[in-house]
């Protein structure tokens, strides 16, 4: 007889997978995504590596789950922020602010998807689709602030400018580069946002 999908075995499997994710995020926070090791996670959990491979076929499979989870969470975060107001300028500010809060609260998630690529790893196409969901609310709001010819192209160019400026600040902050500098990242972030909105 098939095991119910919500039975004890399924619940245990989900518990193990959740614990693996927690250990993986801790590893990434400590050593970066390149240091992710299923063998090390198995040791931390008191399991053998072969036993853990019943849950994840490879390190890259685990990495893919983490990447997609991070992208999905951020996409939902910025979409929710954009939906809170119908005013385009406020939407840009809300989405940008939500992006920064998300990155600051868990820099390891931010750096996993926007930091240095993991050598030899290629994210699945779904990651690109999720990344577009993160970008789209900003472009839509910026497009709504424009009038005249080539509005879509101009809004894309403006969004790319904003995107690179915001991520420049966030990447440096998440990696700790401002820690020994007389720089207030939140103020710098706000300045970069304002410089694009006022252009």
N, C-alpha and C. Protein backbone atom coordinates (compact mmCIF):
# COMPACT_ATOMS: atom_id res chain seq x y z
N UNK A 1 0.85 -1.20 0.00
CA UNK A 1 0.00 0.00 0.00
C UNK A 1 0.88 1.24 0.00
N UNK A 2 0.61 2.23 -0.90
CA UNK A 2 1.43 3.44 -0.96
C UNK A 2 1.37 4.21 0.35
N UNK A 3 2.50 4.82 0.71
CA UNK A 3 2.56 5.65 1.92
C UNK A 3 1.85 6.97 1.66
N UNK A 4 0.91 7.40 2.52
CA UNK A 4 0.26 8.70 2.33
C UNK A 4 1.30 9.81 2.25
N UNK A 5 1.02 10.79 1.39
CA UNK A 5 2.01 11.86 1.20
C UNK A 5 2.17 12.72 2.45
N UNK A 6 1.18 12.68 3.35
CA UNK A 6 1.30 13.46 4.59
C UNK A 6 1.52 12.56 5.80
N UNK A 7 1.96 11.31 5.54
CA UNK A 7 2.19 10.36 6.61
C UNK A 7 3.48 10.62 7.35
N UNK A 8 3.79 9.80 8.37
CA UNK A 8 5.00 9.99 9.19
C UNK A 8 6.28 9.99 8.36
N UNK A 9 6.36 9.09 7.38
CA UNK A 9 7.58 9.03 6.57
C UNK A 9 7.78 10.31 5.78
N UNK A 10 6.69 10.82 5.20
CA UNK A 10 6.78 12.06 4.42
C UNK A 10 7.15 13.24 5.33
N UNK A 11 6.57 13.26 6.53
CA UNK A 11 6.88 14.35 7.46
C UNK A 11 8.33 14.28 7.90
N UNK A 12 8.84 13.08 8.15
CA UNK A 12 10.24 12.93 8.55
C UNK A 12 11.16 13.38 7.41
N UNK A 13 10.80 12.99 6.20
CA UNK A 13 11.62 13.39 5.04
C UNK A 13 11.67 14.91 4.93
N UNK A 14 10.53 15.56 5.14
CA UNK A 14 10.49 17.01 5.05
C UNK A 14 11.29 17.65 6.19
N UNK A 15 11.25 17.06 7.36
CA UNK A 15 12.03 17.57 8.49
C UNK A 15 13.52 17.48 8.20
N UNK A 16 13.94 16.36 7.64
CA UNK A 16 15.36 16.19 7.31
C UNK A 16 15.77 17.22 6.26
N UNK A 17 14.97 17.39 5.24
CA UNK A 17 15.30 18.34 4.17
C UNK A 17 15.38 19.77 4.73
N UNK A 18 14.45 20.12 5.63
CA UNK A 18 14.49 21.45 6.24
C UNK A 18 15.76 21.63 7.06
N UNK A 19 16.14 20.59 7.81
CA UNK A 19 17.36 20.67 8.61
C UNK A 19 18.59 20.80 7.72
N UNK A 20 18.60 20.09 6.60
CA UNK A 20 19.71 20.21 5.65
C UNK A 20 19.80 21.64 5.13
N UNK A 21 18.66 22.23 4.79
CA UNK A 21 18.64 23.61 4.31
C UNK A 21 19.22 24.55 5.37
N UNK A 22 18.83 24.34 6.61
CA UNK A 22 19.33 25.21 7.69
C UNK A 22 20.84 25.11 7.82
N UNK A 23 21.36 23.89 7.79
CA UNK A 23 22.82 23.70 7.86
C UNK A 23 23.51 24.30 6.63
N UNK A 24 22.87 24.16 5.48
CA UNK A 24 23.46 24.69 4.24
C UNK A 24 23.57 26.21 4.31
N UNK A 25 22.51 26.87 4.78
CA UNK A 25 22.56 28.33 4.90
C UNK A 25 23.64 28.75 5.88
N UNK A 26 23.79 28.00 6.96
CA UNK A 26 24.84 28.32 7.93
C UNK A 26 26.23 28.17 7.29
N UNK A 27 26.41 27.12 6.50
CA UNK A 27 27.69 26.93 5.80
C UNK A 27 27.96 28.09 4.85
N UNK A 28 26.94 28.47 4.10
CA UNK A 28 27.10 29.55 3.12
C UNK A 28 27.44 30.85 3.82
N UNK A 29 26.80 31.10 4.96
CA UNK A 29 27.09 32.32 5.72
C UNK A 29 28.53 32.34 6.21
N UNK A 30 29.06 31.16 6.52
CA UNK A 30 30.42 31.08 7.08
C UNK A 30 31.50 31.02 6.01
N UNK A 31 31.24 30.25 4.96
CA UNK A 31 32.32 29.99 3.98
C UNK A 31 31.95 30.32 2.54
N UNK A 32 30.76 30.85 2.31
CA UNK A 32 30.34 31.13 0.94
C UNK A 32 29.76 29.91 0.27
N UNK A 33 29.07 30.13 -0.83
CA UNK A 33 28.40 29.03 -1.52
C UNK A 33 29.37 27.99 -2.06
N UNK A 34 30.58 28.42 -2.40
CA UNK A 34 31.56 27.46 -2.93
C UNK A 34 31.98 26.44 -1.87
N UNK A 35 31.79 26.78 -0.59
CA UNK A 35 32.17 25.87 0.48
C UNK A 35 31.07 24.90 0.89
N UNK A 36 29.94 24.94 0.19
CA UNK A 36 28.82 24.06 0.54
C UNK A 36 29.22 22.60 0.36
N UNK A 37 28.99 21.79 1.39
CA UNK A 37 29.41 20.38 1.37
C UNK A 37 28.34 19.50 1.99
N UNK A 38 27.81 18.56 1.19
CA UNK A 38 26.84 17.61 1.71
C UNK A 38 27.48 16.69 2.76
N UNK A 39 28.73 16.35 2.54
CA UNK A 39 29.42 15.48 3.50
C UNK A 39 29.52 16.15 4.87
N UNK A 40 29.86 17.45 4.88
CA UNK A 40 29.97 18.18 6.14
C UNK A 40 28.60 18.29 6.81
N UNK A 41 27.56 18.51 6.01
CA UNK A 41 26.21 18.59 6.57
C UNK A 41 25.81 17.26 7.18
N UNK A 42 26.13 16.17 6.49
CA UNK A 42 25.82 14.84 7.01
C UNK A 42 26.49 14.61 8.36
N UNK A 43 27.75 15.02 8.48
CA UNK A 43 28.47 14.87 9.75
C UNK A 43 27.81 15.69 10.86
N UNK A 44 27.40 16.91 10.54
CA UNK A 44 26.75 17.77 11.52
C UNK A 44 25.43 17.17 11.99
N UNK A 45 24.76 16.43 11.11
CA UNK A 45 23.46 15.86 11.43
C UNK A 45 23.57 14.44 11.99
N UNK A 46 24.80 13.93 12.09
CA UNK A 46 24.99 12.57 12.59
C UNK A 46 24.54 11.51 11.62
N UNK A 47 24.64 11.82 10.33
CA UNK A 47 24.26 10.89 9.28
C UNK A 47 25.48 10.53 8.46
N UNK A 48 25.38 9.46 7.69
CA UNK A 48 26.42 9.15 6.73
C UNK A 48 26.12 9.93 5.45
N UNK A 49 27.16 10.22 4.68
CA UNK A 49 26.96 10.93 3.42
C UNK A 49 26.02 10.17 2.49
N UNK A 50 26.18 8.83 2.33
CA UNK A 50 25.25 8.10 1.46
C UNK A 50 23.80 8.24 1.90
N UNK A 51 23.56 8.29 3.22
CA UNK A 51 22.19 8.44 3.70
C UNK A 51 21.62 9.79 3.28
N UNK A 52 22.45 10.81 3.31
CA UNK A 52 21.98 12.14 2.93
C UNK A 52 21.71 12.23 1.44
N UNK A 53 22.44 11.45 0.66
CA UNK A 53 22.23 11.47 -0.78
C UNK A 53 20.88 10.88 -1.19
N UNK A 54 20.17 10.28 -0.25
CA UNK A 54 18.81 9.84 -0.54
C UNK A 54 17.86 11.04 -0.59
N UNK A 55 18.28 12.15 -0.01
CA UNK A 55 17.46 13.36 0.00
C UNK A 55 17.88 14.37 -1.06
N UNK A 56 19.16 14.41 -1.36
CA UNK A 56 19.69 15.31 -2.37
C UNK A 56 20.70 14.52 -3.20
N UNK A 57 20.48 14.47 -4.51
CA UNK A 57 21.34 13.66 -5.37
C UNK A 57 22.77 14.19 -5.44
N UNK A 58 22.92 15.50 -5.24
CA UNK A 58 24.25 16.10 -5.33
C UNK A 58 24.25 17.45 -4.63
N UNK A 59 25.44 18.00 -4.46
CA UNK A 59 25.55 19.34 -3.89
C UNK A 59 24.83 20.35 -4.76
N UNK A 60 24.92 20.18 -6.09
CA UNK A 60 24.28 21.13 -6.99
C UNK A 60 22.76 21.08 -6.88
N UNK A 61 22.20 19.89 -6.62
CA UNK A 61 20.76 19.80 -6.41
C UNK A 61 20.34 20.61 -5.19
N UNK A 62 21.11 20.50 -4.12
CA UNK A 62 20.83 21.28 -2.91
C UNK A 62 21.00 22.76 -3.20
N UNK A 63 22.06 23.11 -3.90
CA UNK A 63 22.33 24.51 -4.23
C UNK A 63 21.18 25.10 -5.06
N UNK A 64 20.67 24.31 -5.99
CA UNK A 64 19.56 24.77 -6.82
C UNK A 64 18.33 25.06 -5.97
N UNK A 65 18.04 24.20 -5.03
CA UNK A 65 16.89 24.45 -4.14
C UNK A 65 17.07 25.74 -3.36
N UNK A 66 18.27 25.98 -2.88
CA UNK A 66 18.53 27.20 -2.12
C UNK A 66 18.43 28.44 -3.01
N UNK A 67 18.99 28.36 -4.20
CA UNK A 67 18.95 29.48 -5.14
C UNK A 67 17.50 29.82 -5.49
N UNK A 68 16.73 28.80 -5.84
CA UNK A 68 15.34 29.04 -6.22
C UNK A 68 14.52 29.55 -5.04
N UNK A 69 14.79 29.03 -3.85
CA UNK A 69 14.07 29.49 -2.66
C UNK A 69 14.37 30.97 -2.40
N UNK A 70 15.63 31.36 -2.55
CA UNK A 70 16.00 32.75 -2.33
C UNK A 70 15.36 33.67 -3.37
N UNK A 71 15.46 33.29 -4.63
CA UNK A 71 14.84 34.09 -5.69
C UNK A 71 13.33 34.20 -5.49
N UNK A 72 12.70 33.08 -5.17
CA UNK A 72 11.24 33.07 -5.00
C UNK A 72 10.83 33.97 -3.84
N UNK A 73 11.56 33.89 -2.74
CA UNK A 73 11.23 34.70 -1.57
C UNK A 73 11.39 36.19 -1.89
N UNK A 74 12.46 36.53 -2.59
CA UNK A 74 12.67 37.94 -2.93
C UNK A 74 11.63 38.42 -3.93
N UNK A 75 11.29 37.59 -4.91
CA UNK A 75 10.27 37.96 -5.89
C UNK A 75 8.94 38.26 -5.20
N UNK A 76 8.56 37.39 -4.29
CA UNK A 76 7.30 37.60 -3.56
C UNK A 76 7.37 38.85 -2.68
N UNK A 77 8.55 39.11 -2.12
CA UNK A 77 8.73 40.29 -1.27
C UNK A 77 8.57 41.59 -2.05
N UNK A 78 9.22 41.68 -3.22
CA UNK A 78 9.13 42.93 -3.98
C UNK A 78 7.76 43.09 -4.63
N UNK A 79 7.14 41.98 -5.04
CA UNK A 79 5.80 42.07 -5.61
C UNK A 79 4.80 42.57 -4.56
N UNK A 80 4.93 42.08 -3.34
CA UNK A 80 4.04 42.53 -2.26
C UNK A 80 4.27 44.01 -1.97
N UNK A 81 5.53 44.44 -1.99
CA UNK A 81 5.84 45.85 -1.74
C UNK A 81 5.24 46.73 -2.83
N UNK A 82 5.34 46.30 -4.08
CA UNK A 82 4.79 47.09 -5.19
C UNK A 82 3.28 47.19 -5.12
N UNK A 83 2.64 46.14 -4.61
CA UNK A 83 1.17 46.10 -4.57
C UNK A 83 0.58 46.99 -3.48
N UNK A 84 1.40 47.46 -2.56
CA UNK A 84 0.89 48.24 -1.43
C UNK A 84 0.49 49.67 -1.81
N UNK A 85 0.92 50.14 -2.97
CA UNK A 85 0.56 51.49 -3.40
C UNK A 85 0.43 51.53 -4.91
N UNK A 86 -0.42 52.41 -5.40
CA UNK A 86 -0.60 52.54 -6.84
C UNK A 86 0.22 53.67 -7.43
N UNK A 87 0.85 54.48 -6.57
CA UNK A 87 1.65 55.60 -7.05
C UNK A 87 3.01 55.09 -7.53
N UNK A 88 3.39 55.34 -8.79
CA UNK A 88 4.64 54.79 -9.33
C UNK A 88 5.89 55.15 -8.55
N UNK A 89 6.02 56.40 -8.13
CA UNK A 89 7.22 56.79 -7.38
C UNK A 89 7.28 56.07 -6.04
N UNK A 90 6.15 55.98 -5.38
CA UNK A 90 6.11 55.25 -4.11
C UNK A 90 6.39 53.77 -4.32
N UNK A 91 5.95 53.23 -5.45
CA UNK A 91 6.24 51.83 -5.76
C UNK A 91 7.74 51.61 -5.89
N UNK A 92 8.41 52.50 -6.60
CA UNK A 92 9.87 52.37 -6.76
C UNK A 92 10.55 52.41 -5.39
N UNK A 93 10.14 53.34 -4.57
CA UNK A 93 10.73 53.45 -3.23
C UNK A 93 10.41 52.22 -2.39
N UNK A 94 9.17 51.73 -2.48
CA UNK A 94 8.76 50.57 -1.68
C UNK A 94 9.51 49.32 -2.11
N UNK A 95 9.63 49.11 -3.40
CA UNK A 95 10.34 47.93 -3.91
C UNK A 95 11.81 48.00 -3.55
N UNK A 96 12.41 49.17 -3.73
CA UNK A 96 13.83 49.34 -3.41
C UNK A 96 14.06 49.11 -1.92
N UNK A 97 13.19 49.67 -1.09
CA UNK A 97 13.32 49.48 0.35
C UNK A 97 13.16 48.03 0.75
N UNK A 98 12.20 47.33 0.14
CA UNK A 98 11.98 45.91 0.45
C UNK A 98 13.20 45.08 0.04
N UNK A 99 13.79 45.44 -1.09
CA UNK A 99 14.99 44.75 -1.55
C UNK A 99 16.12 44.90 -0.54
N UNK A 100 16.31 46.11 -0.03
CA UNK A 100 17.39 46.34 0.92
C UNK A 100 17.14 45.61 2.24
N UNK A 101 15.93 45.69 2.76
CA UNK A 101 15.61 44.99 4.01
C UNK A 101 15.86 43.50 3.86
N UNK A 102 15.42 42.94 2.75
CA UNK A 102 15.61 41.50 2.50
C UNK A 102 17.10 41.15 2.48
N UNK A 103 17.89 41.97 1.80
CA UNK A 103 19.33 41.69 1.68
C UNK A 103 20.04 41.83 3.02
N UNK A 104 19.67 42.84 3.79
CA UNK A 104 20.34 43.09 5.07
C UNK A 104 19.98 42.02 6.11
N UNK A 105 18.74 41.55 6.07
CA UNK A 105 18.31 40.55 7.06
C UNK A 105 19.01 39.21 6.87
N UNK A 106 19.34 38.86 5.64
CA UNK A 106 20.01 37.58 5.39
C UNK A 106 21.00 37.75 4.23
N UNK A 107 22.15 38.35 4.52
CA UNK A 107 23.10 38.62 3.44
C UNK A 107 23.57 37.37 2.70
N UNK A 108 23.56 36.20 3.39
CA UNK A 108 23.98 34.99 2.70
C UNK A 108 23.02 34.63 1.56
N UNK A 109 21.73 34.91 1.74
CA UNK A 109 20.77 34.67 0.66
C UNK A 109 21.04 35.63 -0.49
N UNK A 110 21.26 36.89 -0.13
CA UNK A 110 21.52 37.90 -1.16
C UNK A 110 22.77 37.54 -1.96
N UNK A 111 23.85 37.23 -1.26
CA UNK A 111 25.11 36.93 -1.95
C UNK A 111 25.04 35.64 -2.76
N UNK A 112 24.17 34.71 -2.35
CA UNK A 112 24.03 33.47 -3.13
C UNK A 112 23.51 33.77 -4.53
N UNK A 113 22.56 34.71 -4.63
CA UNK A 113 21.98 34.97 -5.95
C UNK A 113 22.57 36.18 -6.67
N UNK A 114 23.22 37.07 -5.94
CA UNK A 114 23.79 38.26 -6.58
C UNK A 114 25.30 38.40 -6.38
N UNK A 115 25.90 37.46 -5.66
CA UNK A 115 27.33 37.54 -5.41
C UNK A 115 28.13 36.78 -6.46
N UNK A 116 29.33 36.40 -6.08
CA UNK A 116 30.23 35.68 -6.99
C UNK A 116 29.64 34.34 -7.39
N UNK A 117 29.57 34.02 -8.69
CA UNK A 117 29.03 32.72 -9.11
C UNK A 117 29.85 31.56 -8.55
N UNK A 118 29.18 30.45 -8.30
CA UNK A 118 29.86 29.25 -7.82
C UNK A 118 30.51 28.56 -9.02
N UNK A 119 31.83 28.35 -8.98
CA UNK A 119 32.50 27.71 -10.12
C UNK A 119 31.87 26.36 -10.47
N UNK A 120 31.58 26.18 -11.75
CA UNK A 120 31.05 24.90 -12.23
C UNK A 120 29.55 24.71 -12.05
N UNK A 121 28.90 25.68 -11.41
CA UNK A 121 27.46 25.53 -11.17
C UNK A 121 26.68 26.43 -12.12
N UNK A 122 25.60 25.87 -12.69
CA UNK A 122 24.70 26.64 -13.56
C UNK A 122 23.29 26.53 -13.01
N UNK A 123 22.70 27.66 -12.72
CA UNK A 123 21.34 27.68 -12.19
C UNK A 123 20.35 27.30 -13.29
N UNK A 124 19.21 26.72 -12.94
CA UNK A 124 18.22 26.32 -13.94
C UNK A 124 17.49 27.52 -14.52
N UNK A 125 16.80 27.36 -15.67
CA UNK A 125 16.08 28.46 -16.28
C UNK A 125 15.06 29.12 -15.35
N UNK A 126 14.51 28.37 -14.42
CA UNK A 126 13.54 28.94 -13.49
C UNK A 126 14.14 30.10 -12.70
N UNK A 127 15.44 30.06 -12.44
CA UNK A 127 16.09 31.15 -11.71
C UNK A 127 16.00 32.46 -12.50
N UNK A 128 16.17 32.37 -13.82
CA UNK A 128 16.07 33.57 -14.66
C UNK A 128 14.66 34.11 -14.65
N UNK A 129 13.68 33.22 -14.68
CA UNK A 129 12.28 33.66 -14.64
C UNK A 129 11.96 34.37 -13.34
N UNK A 130 12.47 33.84 -12.24
CA UNK A 130 12.25 34.47 -10.94
C UNK A 130 12.98 35.81 -10.85
N UNK A 131 14.19 35.87 -11.41
CA UNK A 131 14.94 37.13 -11.41
C UNK A 131 14.18 38.21 -12.18
N UNK A 132 13.52 37.82 -13.25
CA UNK A 132 12.74 38.78 -14.03
C UNK A 132 11.54 39.29 -13.22
N UNK A 133 10.99 38.43 -12.37
CA UNK A 133 9.89 38.87 -11.51
C UNK A 133 10.36 39.92 -10.49
N UNK A 134 11.61 39.85 -10.11
CA UNK A 134 12.17 40.83 -9.17
C UNK A 134 12.41 42.17 -9.87
N UNK A 135 12.85 42.10 -11.10
CA UNK A 135 13.18 43.29 -11.89
C UNK A 135 11.91 44.01 -12.38
N UNK A 136 10.88 43.22 -12.73
CA UNK A 136 9.70 43.75 -13.41
C UNK A 136 8.95 44.83 -12.63
N UNK A 137 8.73 44.70 -11.31
CA UNK A 137 7.99 45.77 -10.62
C UNK A 137 8.67 47.13 -10.68
N UNK A 138 10.00 47.13 -10.65
CA UNK A 138 10.72 48.40 -10.77
C UNK A 138 10.54 48.99 -12.17
N UNK A 139 10.68 48.15 -13.19
CA UNK A 139 10.55 48.67 -14.54
C UNK A 139 9.13 49.16 -14.81
N UNK A 140 8.15 48.42 -14.33
CA UNK A 140 6.76 48.83 -14.51
C UNK A 140 6.48 50.18 -13.85
N UNK A 141 6.97 50.34 -12.62
CA UNK A 141 6.74 51.60 -11.90
C UNK A 141 7.48 52.75 -12.57
N UNK A 142 8.70 52.51 -13.01
CA UNK A 142 9.46 53.58 -13.66
C UNK A 142 8.83 53.94 -15.01
N UNK A 143 8.29 52.94 -15.72
CA UNK A 143 7.63 53.21 -16.99
C UNK A 143 6.41 54.10 -16.79
N UNK A 144 5.71 53.88 -15.68
CA UNK A 144 4.50 54.66 -15.40
C UNK A 144 4.82 56.13 -15.12
N UNK A 145 6.09 56.42 -14.79
CA UNK A 145 6.49 57.80 -14.52
C UNK A 145 6.91 58.54 -15.80
N UNK A 146 7.00 57.80 -16.91
CA UNK A 146 7.50 58.38 -18.15
C UNK A 146 6.38 58.65 -19.14
N UNK A 147 6.62 59.55 -20.04
CA UNK A 147 5.69 59.82 -21.13
C UNK A 147 6.50 59.94 -22.41
N UNK A 148 5.81 59.92 -23.52
CA UNK A 148 6.48 60.15 -24.79
C UNK A 148 6.94 58.88 -25.49
N UNK A 149 7.72 59.09 -26.54
CA UNK A 149 8.15 57.98 -27.40
C UNK A 149 9.15 57.07 -26.69
N UNK A 150 9.16 55.82 -27.12
CA UNK A 150 10.11 54.80 -26.65
C UNK A 150 10.09 54.66 -25.13
N UNK A 151 8.90 54.80 -24.56
CA UNK A 151 8.79 54.76 -23.11
C UNK A 151 9.29 53.44 -22.54
N UNK A 152 8.97 52.32 -23.22
CA UNK A 152 9.38 51.02 -22.69
C UNK A 152 10.90 50.89 -22.68
N UNK A 153 11.54 51.30 -23.77
CA UNK A 153 13.00 51.20 -23.84
C UNK A 153 13.64 52.13 -22.81
N UNK A 154 13.11 53.34 -22.68
CA UNK A 154 13.66 54.29 -21.72
C UNK A 154 13.49 53.79 -20.29
N UNK A 155 12.34 53.17 -20.02
CA UNK A 155 12.12 52.65 -18.66
C UNK A 155 13.06 51.49 -18.37
N UNK A 156 13.36 50.67 -19.39
CA UNK A 156 14.31 49.57 -19.19
C UNK A 156 15.69 50.12 -18.88
N UNK A 157 16.12 51.10 -19.67
CA UNK A 157 17.45 51.69 -19.43
C UNK A 157 17.53 52.32 -18.04
N UNK A 158 16.47 53.01 -17.63
CA UNK A 158 16.45 53.65 -16.32
C UNK A 158 16.46 52.60 -15.20
N UNK A 159 15.73 51.52 -15.42
CA UNK A 159 15.70 50.45 -14.42
C UNK A 159 17.07 49.80 -14.28
N UNK A 160 17.76 49.60 -15.39
CA UNK A 160 19.10 49.03 -15.33
C UNK A 160 20.04 49.95 -14.56
N UNK A 161 19.92 51.25 -14.79
CA UNK A 161 20.74 52.21 -14.03
C UNK A 161 20.47 52.10 -12.54
N UNK A 162 19.18 52.09 -12.19
CA UNK A 162 18.81 51.98 -10.78
C UNK A 162 19.27 50.65 -10.21
N UNK A 163 19.06 49.58 -10.96
CA UNK A 163 19.43 48.23 -10.53
C UNK A 163 20.92 48.13 -10.21
N UNK A 164 21.74 48.66 -11.09
CA UNK A 164 23.19 48.56 -10.87
C UNK A 164 23.63 49.41 -9.68
N UNK A 165 23.02 50.56 -9.50
CA UNK A 165 23.39 51.42 -8.37
C UNK A 165 22.98 50.79 -7.03
N UNK A 166 21.74 50.31 -6.98
CA UNK A 166 21.27 49.71 -5.73
C UNK A 166 22.06 48.45 -5.38
N UNK A 167 22.29 47.61 -6.37
CA UNK A 167 23.03 46.37 -6.11
C UNK A 167 24.51 46.64 -5.84
N UNK A 168 25.02 47.73 -6.37
CA UNK A 168 26.39 48.08 -6.04
C UNK A 168 26.54 48.33 -4.54
N UNK A 169 25.60 49.10 -3.99
CA UNK A 169 25.63 49.38 -2.56
C UNK A 169 25.35 48.10 -1.76
N UNK A 170 24.32 47.36 -2.16
CA UNK A 170 23.94 46.16 -1.41
C UNK A 170 25.04 45.10 -1.42
N UNK A 171 25.69 44.92 -2.55
CA UNK A 171 26.75 43.91 -2.65
C UNK A 171 27.91 44.25 -1.73
N UNK A 172 28.30 45.51 -1.70
CA UNK A 172 29.38 45.93 -0.82
C UNK A 172 28.98 45.80 0.64
N UNK A 173 27.73 46.17 0.94
CA UNK A 173 27.25 46.06 2.32
C UNK A 173 27.16 44.61 2.77
N UNK A 174 26.57 43.75 1.93
CA UNK A 174 26.39 42.33 2.29
C UNK A 174 27.73 41.63 2.50
N UNK A 175 28.73 42.05 1.73
CA UNK A 175 30.05 41.43 1.85
C UNK A 175 30.89 42.05 2.97
N UNK A 176 30.35 43.06 3.65
CA UNK A 176 31.04 43.63 4.79
C UNK A 176 32.08 44.69 4.46
N UNK A 177 32.07 45.20 3.22
CA UNK A 177 33.11 46.15 2.82
C UNK A 177 32.97 47.53 3.46
N UNK A 178 31.79 47.84 3.98
CA UNK A 178 31.61 49.12 4.64
C UNK A 178 31.92 49.07 6.14
N UNK A 179 32.20 47.88 6.64
CA UNK A 179 32.34 47.70 8.09
C UNK A 179 33.44 48.57 8.70
N UNK A 180 34.51 48.80 7.95
CA UNK A 180 35.63 49.57 8.49
C UNK A 180 35.72 50.97 7.86
N UNK A 181 34.64 51.37 7.21
CA UNK A 181 34.63 52.68 6.55
C UNK A 181 33.62 53.59 7.24
N UNK A 182 33.85 54.87 7.12
CA UNK A 182 32.92 55.86 7.68
C UNK A 182 31.81 56.10 6.66
N UNK A 183 31.02 55.06 6.44
CA UNK A 183 29.95 55.11 5.45
C UNK A 183 28.70 54.53 6.08
N UNK A 184 27.57 55.20 5.88
CA UNK A 184 26.29 54.69 6.33
C UNK A 184 25.58 54.10 5.11
N UNK A 185 25.56 52.77 4.99
CA UNK A 185 24.99 52.14 3.78
C UNK A 185 23.55 52.56 3.48
N UNK A 186 22.72 52.69 4.50
CA UNK A 186 21.32 53.07 4.26
C UNK A 186 21.22 54.44 3.61
N UNK A 187 22.07 55.36 4.06
CA UNK A 187 22.07 56.72 3.50
C UNK A 187 22.57 56.69 2.06
N UNK A 188 23.62 55.92 1.82
CA UNK A 188 24.16 55.81 0.46
C UNK A 188 23.14 55.18 -0.48
N UNK A 189 22.45 54.15 0.01
CA UNK A 189 21.41 53.48 -0.78
C UNK A 189 20.31 54.48 -1.14
N UNK A 190 19.86 55.24 -0.16
CA UNK A 190 18.81 56.23 -0.40
C UNK A 190 19.26 57.30 -1.39
N UNK A 191 20.53 57.68 -1.31
CA UNK A 191 21.06 58.68 -2.23
C UNK A 191 21.06 58.16 -3.66
N UNK A 192 21.47 56.91 -3.84
CA UNK A 192 21.50 56.33 -5.19
C UNK A 192 20.08 56.22 -5.76
N UNK A 193 19.14 55.85 -4.91
CA UNK A 193 17.74 55.77 -5.34
C UNK A 193 17.25 57.15 -5.76
N UNK A 194 17.51 58.16 -4.94
CA UNK A 194 17.04 59.50 -5.23
C UNK A 194 17.68 60.06 -6.51
N UNK A 195 18.95 59.72 -6.74
CA UNK A 195 19.64 60.27 -7.91
C UNK A 195 19.01 59.77 -9.21
N UNK A 196 18.47 58.57 -9.20
CA UNK A 196 17.81 58.04 -10.39
C UNK A 196 16.39 58.60 -10.50
N UNK A 197 15.67 58.66 -9.40
CA UNK A 197 14.30 59.18 -9.44
C UNK A 197 14.26 60.65 -9.83
N UNK A 198 15.31 61.38 -9.50
CA UNK A 198 15.33 62.80 -9.81
C UNK A 198 15.92 63.11 -11.19
N UNK A 199 16.41 62.10 -11.87
CA UNK A 199 17.04 62.33 -13.18
C UNK A 199 16.02 62.48 -14.29
